[in-house]
N, C-alpha and C. Protein backbone atom coordinates (compact mmCIF):
# COMPACT_ATOMS: atom_id res chain seq x y z
N MET A 1 0.86 -1.27 -0.01
CA MET A 1 0.00 -0.06 -0.17
C MET A 1 0.81 1.37 0.15
N HIS A 2 1.84 1.27 0.60
CA HIS A 2 2.79 2.48 1.11
C HIS A 2 3.53 2.77 -0.38
N THR A 3 3.86 1.77 -1.34
CA THR A 3 4.35 1.90 -2.59
C THR A 3 3.43 2.76 -3.52
N VAL A 4 2.07 2.01 -3.38
CA VAL A 4 1.18 2.47 -4.43
C VAL A 4 0.97 4.14 -4.16
N LEU A 5 0.83 4.36 -2.79
CA LEU A 5 0.88 5.71 -2.43
C LEU A 5 1.73 6.68 -2.87
N ILE A 6 2.90 6.21 -2.69
CA ILE A 6 3.98 7.11 -3.24
C ILE A 6 3.92 7.35 -4.86
N LEU A 7 3.73 6.47 -5.41
CA LEU A 7 3.56 6.22 -6.71
C LEU A 7 2.53 7.11 -7.03
N LEU A 8 1.45 7.10 -6.38
CA LEU A 8 0.46 8.35 -6.67
C LEU A 8 0.68 9.52 -6.76
N LEU A 9 1.43 9.96 -5.44
CA LEU A 9 1.79 11.11 -4.99
C LEU A 9 3.17 11.54 -6.22
N SER A 10 3.83 10.48 -6.75
CA SER A 10 4.79 11.17 -7.75
C SER A 10 3.98 11.69 -8.89
N SER A 11 3.27 10.80 -9.35
CA SER A 11 2.16 10.91 -10.28
C SER A 11 1.80 12.63 -10.42
N PHE A 12 1.10 12.78 -9.03
CA PHE A 12 0.58 13.88 -8.88
C PHE A 12 1.34 14.99 -9.31
N SER A 13 2.62 14.90 -8.65
CA SER A 13 3.70 15.95 -9.12
C SER A 13 3.58 16.39 -10.60
N SER A 14 3.21 15.45 -11.62
CA SER A 14 3.38 15.89 -12.74
C SER A 14 2.42 16.84 -13.16
N LEU A 15 1.14 16.99 -12.65
CA LEU A 15 -0.01 17.77 -12.80
C LEU A 15 0.63 19.10 -12.18
N PHE A 16 1.26 19.06 -10.91
CA PHE A 16 1.54 20.36 -10.46
C PHE A 16 2.64 21.12 -11.30
N VAL A 17 3.65 20.21 -11.57
CA VAL A 17 4.52 20.83 -12.79
C VAL A 17 4.09 21.58 -13.88
N GLY A 18 2.79 20.50 -14.32
CA GLY A 18 2.37 21.12 -15.55
C GLY A 18 1.47 22.36 -15.50
N PHE A 19 1.07 22.51 -14.07
CA PHE A 19 0.09 23.67 -13.66
C PHE A 19 1.20 24.97 -13.76
N VAL A 20 2.18 24.77 -13.51
CA VAL A 20 3.17 26.05 -13.19
C VAL A 20 3.79 26.18 -14.68
N TRP A 21 4.39 25.11 -15.28
CA TRP A 21 4.95 25.07 -16.49
C TRP A 21 4.32 25.63 -17.66
N TYR A 22 3.21 25.14 -17.59
CA TYR A 22 2.04 25.83 -18.89
C TYR A 22 1.30 26.85 -18.53
N ASN A 23 1.47 27.52 -17.30
CA ASN A 23 0.94 28.83 -17.12
C ASN A 23 1.34 30.01 -18.02
N PRO A 24 0.41 30.51 -18.43
CA PRO A 24 0.68 31.79 -19.79
C PRO A 24 1.67 32.79 -19.14
N LYS A 25 2.20 32.76 -17.75
CA LYS A 25 3.25 33.52 -17.38
C LYS A 25 4.36 32.74 -17.56
N VAL A 26 4.56 31.53 -17.82
CA VAL A 26 5.92 30.89 -17.80
C VAL A 26 5.66 30.43 -19.26
N PHE A 27 5.60 29.28 -19.55
CA PHE A 27 5.68 28.63 -20.94
C PHE A 27 4.10 28.60 -21.81
N GLY A 28 3.16 28.99 -21.24
CA GLY A 28 2.08 28.60 -21.53
C GLY A 28 1.62 29.42 -23.06
N ASN A 29 1.75 30.61 -22.99
CA ASN A 29 1.49 31.23 -24.26
C ASN A 29 2.48 30.80 -25.49
N ILE A 30 3.68 30.79 -25.12
CA ILE A 30 4.61 30.18 -26.24
C ILE A 30 4.15 28.81 -26.63
N TRP A 31 3.98 27.86 -25.53
CA TRP A 31 3.53 26.31 -25.92
C TRP A 31 2.19 26.47 -26.78
N MET A 32 1.31 27.12 -26.49
CA MET A 32 0.22 27.46 -27.35
C MET A 32 0.51 27.83 -28.75
N ARG A 33 1.17 28.91 -28.85
CA ARG A 33 1.56 29.36 -30.16
C ARG A 33 2.29 28.14 -30.96
N GLU A 34 3.33 27.69 -30.44
CA GLU A 34 4.03 26.89 -30.83
C GLU A 34 3.22 25.38 -31.46
N SER A 35 2.19 25.05 -30.49
CA SER A 35 1.69 23.77 -30.75
C SER A 35 0.57 23.89 -31.79
N GLY A 36 0.13 25.27 -31.86
CA GLY A 36 -1.04 25.57 -32.66
C GLY A 36 -2.54 25.37 -32.17
N VAL A 37 -2.33 25.17 -30.40
CA VAL A 37 -3.62 25.02 -29.69
C VAL A 37 -4.02 26.47 -29.52
N THR A 38 -5.35 26.52 -29.51
CA THR A 38 -6.07 27.54 -29.23
C THR A 38 -7.00 27.69 -27.95
N GLU A 39 -7.36 28.64 -27.30
CA GLU A 39 -7.99 28.49 -25.96
C GLU A 39 -9.43 28.02 -26.23
N GLU A 40 -9.95 28.25 -27.46
CA GLU A 40 -11.35 27.49 -27.78
C GLU A 40 -11.22 26.36 -27.96
N LYS A 41 -9.98 25.74 -28.68
CA LYS A 41 -9.74 24.03 -28.60
C LYS A 41 -9.67 23.52 -27.21
N ILE A 42 -9.07 24.30 -26.25
CA ILE A 42 -8.74 23.82 -24.78
C ILE A 42 -10.25 23.65 -24.19
N LYS A 43 -10.83 24.68 -24.42
CA LYS A 43 -12.32 25.00 -23.81
C LYS A 43 -13.31 23.71 -24.20
N GLY A 44 -12.95 23.32 -25.70
CA GLY A 44 -13.99 22.66 -26.31
C GLY A 44 -13.54 20.93 -26.12
N GLY A 45 -12.72 20.63 -25.07
CA GLY A 45 -12.05 19.34 -24.86
C GLY A 45 -12.97 19.06 -23.51
N ASN A 46 -12.78 17.72 -22.98
CA ASN A 46 -13.15 17.12 -21.74
C ASN A 46 -12.10 17.26 -20.93
N ILE A 47 -12.21 18.49 -20.09
CA ILE A 47 -10.90 18.87 -19.10
C ILE A 47 -10.40 17.56 -18.34
N ALA A 48 -11.81 17.13 -17.70
CA ALA A 48 -11.80 15.88 -16.48
C ALA A 48 -11.12 14.75 -17.13
N LEU A 49 -11.47 14.32 -18.39
CA LEU A 49 -10.84 13.20 -19.04
C LEU A 49 -9.39 13.30 -19.28
N THR A 50 -9.25 14.37 -19.80
CA THR A 50 -7.91 14.93 -20.07
C THR A 50 -6.99 14.92 -18.63
N MET A 51 -7.46 15.30 -17.83
CA MET A 51 -6.35 15.31 -16.50
C MET A 51 -6.57 13.96 -15.93
N LEU A 52 -7.70 13.05 -16.13
CA LEU A 52 -7.49 12.12 -15.62
C LEU A 52 -6.67 10.98 -16.37
N MET A 53 -6.46 11.06 -17.98
CA MET A 53 -5.76 10.23 -18.60
C MET A 53 -4.21 10.49 -18.21
N ALA A 54 -3.81 12.20 -18.14
CA ALA A 54 -2.45 12.47 -17.83
C ALA A 54 -1.84 11.99 -16.67
N TYR A 55 -2.98 11.69 -15.80
CA TYR A 55 -2.65 11.37 -14.37
C TYR A 55 -2.08 9.66 -14.47
N VAL A 56 -3.07 9.07 -15.42
CA VAL A 56 -3.01 7.76 -15.53
C VAL A 56 -1.56 7.38 -16.32
N TYR A 57 -1.37 8.50 -17.40
CA TYR A 57 -0.02 8.08 -17.83
C TYR A 57 1.54 8.70 -16.90
N ALA A 58 1.14 9.56 -16.19
CA ALA A 58 2.17 9.67 -15.37
C ALA A 58 2.32 8.80 -14.31
N PHE A 59 1.16 8.10 -13.82
CA PHE A 59 1.52 6.81 -12.98
C PHE A 59 2.30 5.70 -13.52
N PHE A 60 2.11 5.64 -14.89
CA PHE A 60 2.69 4.64 -15.81
C PHE A 60 4.26 4.95 -15.82
N ILE A 61 4.45 6.28 -15.82
CA ILE A 61 6.00 6.78 -16.02
C ILE A 61 6.61 6.79 -14.38
N SER A 62 5.75 6.89 -13.33
CA SER A 62 6.16 6.61 -12.34
C SER A 62 6.84 5.07 -12.05
N VAL A 63 6.16 4.06 -12.41
CA VAL A 63 6.23 2.88 -12.30
C VAL A 63 7.64 2.47 -13.12
N VAL A 64 7.83 3.16 -13.99
CA VAL A 64 9.00 3.03 -14.68
C VAL A 64 10.43 3.50 -13.96
N LEU A 65 10.01 4.91 -13.59
CA LEU A 65 10.98 5.44 -12.89
C LEU A 65 11.45 4.78 -11.28
N TRP A 66 10.40 4.34 -10.97
CA TRP A 66 10.53 3.21 -9.78
C TRP A 66 11.71 2.27 -9.91
N SER A 67 11.63 1.58 -10.86
CA SER A 67 12.94 0.70 -11.44
C SER A 67 14.20 1.32 -11.52
N LEU A 68 14.12 2.64 -11.83
CA LEU A 68 15.48 3.30 -12.26
C LEU A 68 16.04 3.64 -11.05
N VAL A 69 15.21 4.29 -10.31
CA VAL A 69 16.06 5.37 -9.06
C VAL A 69 15.99 4.31 -7.76
N ILE A 70 15.57 3.23 -7.75
CA ILE A 70 15.83 2.17 -6.47
C ILE A 70 16.44 1.15 -7.20
N HIS A 71 18.02 1.17 -6.67
CA HIS A 71 18.72 0.15 -7.31
C HIS A 71 18.63 -1.03 -6.62
N GLN A 72 18.31 -1.36 -5.45
CA GLN A 72 17.85 -2.58 -4.89
C GLN A 72 16.70 -3.28 -5.35
N MET A 73 16.13 -2.72 -6.23
CA MET A 73 15.17 -3.75 -7.25
C MET A 73 15.87 -4.67 -8.12
N GLY A 74 17.06 -4.20 -8.55
CA GLY A 74 17.71 -5.21 -9.41
C GLY A 74 18.20 -6.32 -8.71
N ALA A 75 18.78 -5.99 -7.35
CA ALA A 75 19.14 -7.26 -6.70
C ALA A 75 18.02 -8.22 -6.56
N ASN A 76 17.03 -7.66 -6.05
CA ASN A 76 15.79 -8.42 -5.95
C ASN A 76 15.22 -9.49 -7.12
N SER A 77 15.34 -8.99 -8.20
CA SER A 77 14.95 -9.32 -9.51
C SER A 77 16.13 -10.28 -9.85
N ALA A 78 17.47 -10.13 -9.58
CA ALA A 78 18.46 -11.15 -9.71
C ALA A 78 18.47 -12.41 -8.75
N THR A 79 18.00 -12.24 -7.64
CA THR A 79 17.86 -13.47 -6.83
C THR A 79 16.59 -14.06 -6.33
N VAL A 80 15.56 -13.24 -6.60
CA VAL A 80 14.27 -13.89 -5.98
C VAL A 80 13.79 -15.16 -7.13
N ASN A 81 13.55 -16.23 -6.51
CA ASN A 81 12.57 -17.28 -6.92
C ASN A 81 13.67 -17.84 -8.21
N ILE A 82 14.85 -17.96 -8.07
CA ILE A 82 15.81 -18.55 -8.94
C ILE A 82 16.23 -19.99 -8.16
N LYS A 83 15.99 -20.75 -9.15
CA LYS A 83 16.32 -22.20 -8.47
C LYS A 83 17.80 -22.22 -8.38
N GLY A 84 18.32 -22.67 -7.02
CA GLY A 84 19.49 -22.99 -6.34
C GLY A 84 19.88 -21.69 -5.79
N VAL A 85 19.27 -20.51 -5.94
CA VAL A 85 19.98 -19.41 -5.09
C VAL A 85 19.22 -19.30 -3.85
N ASP A 86 20.29 -19.26 -2.96
CA ASP A 86 20.01 -19.33 -1.53
C ASP A 86 19.27 -17.77 -1.24
N PRO A 87 18.17 -17.93 -0.72
CA PRO A 87 17.40 -16.59 -0.40
C PRO A 87 17.80 -15.75 0.67
N SER A 88 18.87 -16.32 1.58
CA SER A 88 19.60 -15.21 2.62
C SER A 88 20.46 -14.28 1.89
N ILE A 89 21.07 -14.73 0.52
CA ILE A 89 21.89 -13.68 -0.23
C ILE A 89 21.24 -12.29 -0.08
N LEU A 90 19.80 -12.33 -0.73
CA LEU A 90 19.38 -11.18 -0.87
C LEU A 90 18.92 -10.25 0.37
N LYS A 91 18.64 -11.40 1.49
CA LYS A 91 18.15 -10.61 2.79
C LYS A 91 19.61 -10.29 3.37
N ASN A 92 20.89 -10.60 3.30
CA ASN A 92 21.96 -10.00 3.44
C ASN A 92 22.29 -8.94 2.85
N TYR A 93 22.17 -9.00 1.43
CA TYR A 93 22.49 -7.70 0.83
C TYR A 93 21.42 -6.53 1.06
N MET A 94 20.40 -6.66 1.45
CA MET A 94 19.28 -5.76 1.73
C MET A 94 19.45 -5.29 3.07
N ASP A 95 20.18 -6.28 4.06
CA ASP A 95 20.48 -5.76 5.44
C ASP A 95 21.64 -4.95 5.47
N ALA A 96 22.76 -5.20 4.44
CA ALA A 96 23.74 -4.14 4.28
C ALA A 96 23.47 -2.82 3.35
N TYR A 97 22.92 -3.10 2.58
CA TYR A 97 22.69 -1.98 1.42
C TYR A 97 21.43 -1.50 1.14
N GLY A 98 20.50 -1.97 1.81
CA GLY A 98 19.04 -1.60 1.36
C GLY A 98 18.64 -0.47 1.36
N THR A 99 19.34 0.58 2.38
CA THR A 99 18.99 2.17 2.30
C THR A 99 19.84 2.80 1.48
N THR A 100 21.00 2.24 0.91
CA THR A 100 21.84 2.89 0.23
C THR A 100 21.35 3.64 -0.53
N TYR A 101 21.66 5.09 -1.00
CA TYR A 101 21.36 5.69 -2.02
C TYR A 101 19.77 6.19 -2.21
N ARG A 102 19.26 6.04 -1.06
CA ARG A 102 18.00 6.41 -1.17
C ARG A 102 17.51 7.84 -0.28
N THR A 103 17.90 8.62 -1.22
CA THR A 103 17.84 10.33 -0.83
C THR A 103 16.93 11.13 -2.17
N PHE A 104 16.48 11.95 -1.81
CA PHE A 104 15.64 13.03 -2.75
C PHE A 104 16.60 13.09 -4.24
N GLY A 105 17.61 13.81 -3.52
CA GLY A 105 18.76 14.24 -4.38
C GLY A 105 19.15 13.11 -5.33
N HIS A 106 19.54 11.73 -4.95
CA HIS A 106 19.90 10.83 -5.76
C HIS A 106 18.65 10.48 -6.68
N GLY A 107 17.59 10.20 -6.28
CA GLY A 107 16.30 9.98 -7.17
C GLY A 107 16.14 11.13 -8.28
N ALA A 108 16.49 12.27 -7.81
CA ALA A 108 16.40 13.26 -8.76
C ALA A 108 17.21 13.24 -9.82
N ILE A 109 18.21 13.00 -9.61
CA ILE A 109 19.45 12.82 -10.58
C ILE A 109 18.95 11.69 -11.46
N HIS A 110 18.83 10.70 -11.40
CA HIS A 110 18.23 9.65 -11.91
C HIS A 110 16.97 9.94 -13.06
N GLY A 111 16.06 10.45 -12.19
CA GLY A 111 15.09 11.28 -12.95
C GLY A 111 15.48 12.31 -13.81
N PHE A 112 16.28 13.01 -13.69
CA PHE A 112 16.94 13.92 -14.58
C PHE A 112 17.30 13.32 -15.87
N ILE A 113 18.22 12.11 -15.61
CA ILE A 113 18.98 11.40 -16.64
C ILE A 113 17.67 10.89 -17.48
N ALA A 114 16.76 10.26 -16.98
CA ALA A 114 15.82 9.61 -17.77
C ALA A 114 15.00 10.48 -18.56
N GLY A 115 14.71 11.62 -18.02
CA GLY A 115 14.18 12.94 -18.58
C GLY A 115 14.71 13.37 -19.69
N LEU A 116 16.04 13.74 -19.47
CA LEU A 116 16.79 14.25 -20.31
C LEU A 116 17.30 13.39 -21.89
N PHE A 117 17.54 12.02 -21.43
CA PHE A 117 17.96 10.87 -22.25
C PHE A 117 17.04 10.28 -22.89
N PHE A 118 15.67 10.13 -22.17
CA PHE A 118 14.77 9.41 -22.70
C PHE A 118 13.39 10.15 -22.87
N ALA A 119 12.90 11.01 -22.23
CA ALA A 119 11.61 11.61 -22.37
C ALA A 119 11.93 12.74 -23.41
N LEU A 120 12.94 13.60 -23.36
CA LEU A 120 13.23 14.45 -24.20
C LEU A 120 13.54 14.26 -25.70
N PRO A 121 14.18 12.97 -26.07
CA PRO A 121 14.36 12.54 -27.30
C PRO A 121 13.21 12.01 -27.92
N VAL A 122 12.24 11.49 -27.11
CA VAL A 122 11.08 10.69 -27.47
C VAL A 122 10.05 12.03 -28.21
N VAL A 123 9.87 13.23 -27.32
CA VAL A 123 9.33 14.37 -27.59
C VAL A 123 9.96 15.09 -28.84
N GLY A 124 11.28 15.03 -28.95
CA GLY A 124 11.91 15.66 -29.82
C GLY A 124 11.60 14.94 -31.38
N VAL A 125 11.81 13.58 -31.43
CA VAL A 125 11.41 12.82 -32.50
C VAL A 125 10.11 13.09 -32.99
N ASN A 126 9.26 12.96 -32.00
CA ASN A 126 7.92 13.20 -32.54
C ASN A 126 7.84 14.71 -33.10
N ALA A 127 8.19 15.71 -32.54
CA ALA A 127 8.48 17.33 -32.75
C ALA A 127 9.11 17.41 -34.26
N LEU A 128 10.08 16.21 -34.55
CA LEU A 128 10.65 16.60 -35.95
C LEU A 128 9.57 16.13 -37.03
N PHE A 129 9.19 15.04 -36.74
CA PHE A 129 8.18 14.53 -37.73
C PHE A 129 6.68 15.15 -37.97
N GLU A 130 6.38 15.85 -36.77
CA GLU A 130 5.28 16.84 -36.86
C GLU A 130 5.45 18.39 -37.29
N ARG A 131 7.00 18.50 -37.65
CA ARG A 131 7.11 19.85 -38.31
C ARG A 131 7.05 20.69 -37.13
N ARG A 132 7.37 20.37 -35.93
CA ARG A 132 6.99 21.34 -34.66
C ARG A 132 8.48 22.18 -34.44
N SER A 133 8.45 23.36 -33.70
CA SER A 133 9.63 24.18 -33.64
C SER A 133 10.47 23.73 -32.67
N TRP A 134 11.83 24.16 -32.63
CA TRP A 134 12.54 23.93 -31.50
C TRP A 134 12.14 24.40 -30.15
N LYS A 135 11.30 25.68 -30.28
CA LYS A 135 10.58 25.93 -29.13
C LYS A 135 9.77 25.24 -28.52
N TYR A 136 8.91 24.46 -29.26
CA TYR A 136 8.05 23.56 -28.74
C TYR A 136 8.52 22.30 -28.12
N THR A 137 9.65 21.93 -28.91
CA THR A 137 10.49 20.72 -28.61
C THR A 137 11.02 20.99 -26.99
N LEU A 138 11.61 22.32 -26.71
CA LEU A 138 12.46 22.78 -25.44
C LEU A 138 11.39 22.79 -24.49
N ILE A 139 9.91 23.06 -24.68
CA ILE A 139 9.13 23.29 -23.80
C ILE A 139 8.56 22.24 -23.42
N ALA A 140 7.77 21.20 -24.32
CA ALA A 140 7.43 19.86 -23.77
C ALA A 140 8.19 19.23 -23.49
N GLY A 141 9.57 18.93 -23.96
CA GLY A 141 10.58 18.12 -23.63
C GLY A 141 11.34 18.64 -22.23
N GLY A 142 11.42 19.81 -22.15
CA GLY A 142 11.65 20.23 -20.81
C GLY A 142 10.93 19.86 -19.51
N TYR A 143 9.61 20.19 -19.79
CA TYR A 143 8.25 19.81 -18.90
C TYR A 143 8.69 18.46 -18.33
N TRP A 144 9.11 17.58 -19.64
CA TRP A 144 9.29 16.13 -18.66
C TRP A 144 10.58 15.94 -18.22
N VAL A 145 11.63 16.49 -18.32
CA VAL A 145 12.74 16.66 -17.77
C VAL A 145 12.68 17.09 -16.23
N VAL A 146 12.00 18.11 -15.93
CA VAL A 146 11.83 18.53 -14.95
C VAL A 146 10.78 17.68 -14.29
N THR A 147 9.80 17.16 -14.77
CA THR A 147 8.62 16.09 -14.09
C THR A 147 9.46 14.94 -13.64
N CYS A 148 10.02 14.36 -14.45
CA CYS A 148 10.93 13.17 -14.23
C CYS A 148 12.07 13.27 -13.02
N LEU A 149 12.42 14.53 -13.10
CA LEU A 149 13.49 14.91 -12.19
C LEU A 149 12.82 14.69 -10.56
N LEU A 150 11.63 15.76 -10.46
CA LEU A 150 10.83 15.70 -9.50
C LEU A 150 10.09 14.05 -8.96
N MET A 151 9.64 13.58 -9.95
CA MET A 151 8.97 12.19 -9.77
C MET A 151 10.33 11.41 -9.00
N GLY A 152 11.39 11.34 -9.71
CA GLY A 152 12.44 10.43 -9.23
C GLY A 152 12.97 10.65 -7.83
N GLY A 153 12.75 11.92 -7.35
CA GLY A 153 13.41 12.35 -6.10
C GLY A 153 12.07 11.81 -5.09
N ILE A 154 10.97 12.18 -5.48
CA ILE A 154 9.88 11.81 -4.70
C ILE A 154 9.88 10.17 -4.42
N ILE A 155 10.10 9.44 -5.25
CA ILE A 155 9.98 7.76 -5.36
C ILE A 155 11.25 7.56 -4.44
N CYS A 156 12.46 7.93 -4.78
CA CYS A 156 13.63 7.47 -4.06
C CYS A 156 13.50 7.72 -2.71
N GLN A 157 13.11 9.29 -2.23
CA GLN A 157 13.04 9.56 -0.92
C GLN A 157 12.10 8.45 -0.09
N TRP A 158 10.93 8.49 -0.89
CA TRP A 158 10.24 7.95 0.29
C TRP A 158 9.39 6.46 0.19
N MET A 159 10.41 5.89 -0.87
CA MET A 159 9.81 4.35 -1.14
C MET A 159 10.53 3.54 -0.19
């Protein structure tokens, strides 16, 4: 239960960052111009469904970040339920290193790396084929870099 709550909290952080990032006083007006989105188009959509789906997708991203920022998950997957592996190996490892590198800063670094080297390139490739501007790419990709940084920090600190 604790794990799910932390993942839900980190997912919520994506909405928080979005409210700030896409505010007209920050990057909202530039993003609207560069993406071709108008206020009428935004108002014509189902905002509740949009926010719900954005939250669900952010949850999926949180689950992936969980495996990237918590190094002990690799030890678990390398030893659990493998025939011939003594289960005490994992217990001994976790007793010695279970909370090593479990800080907000460490998770934020890994989240930043995931955002910069995974999310930004995904946005960038789509933007190239959609013939979007470099401003659009930096705004949309930058949002994911900052969001992954924050999500990674939350997951690593409290998981």
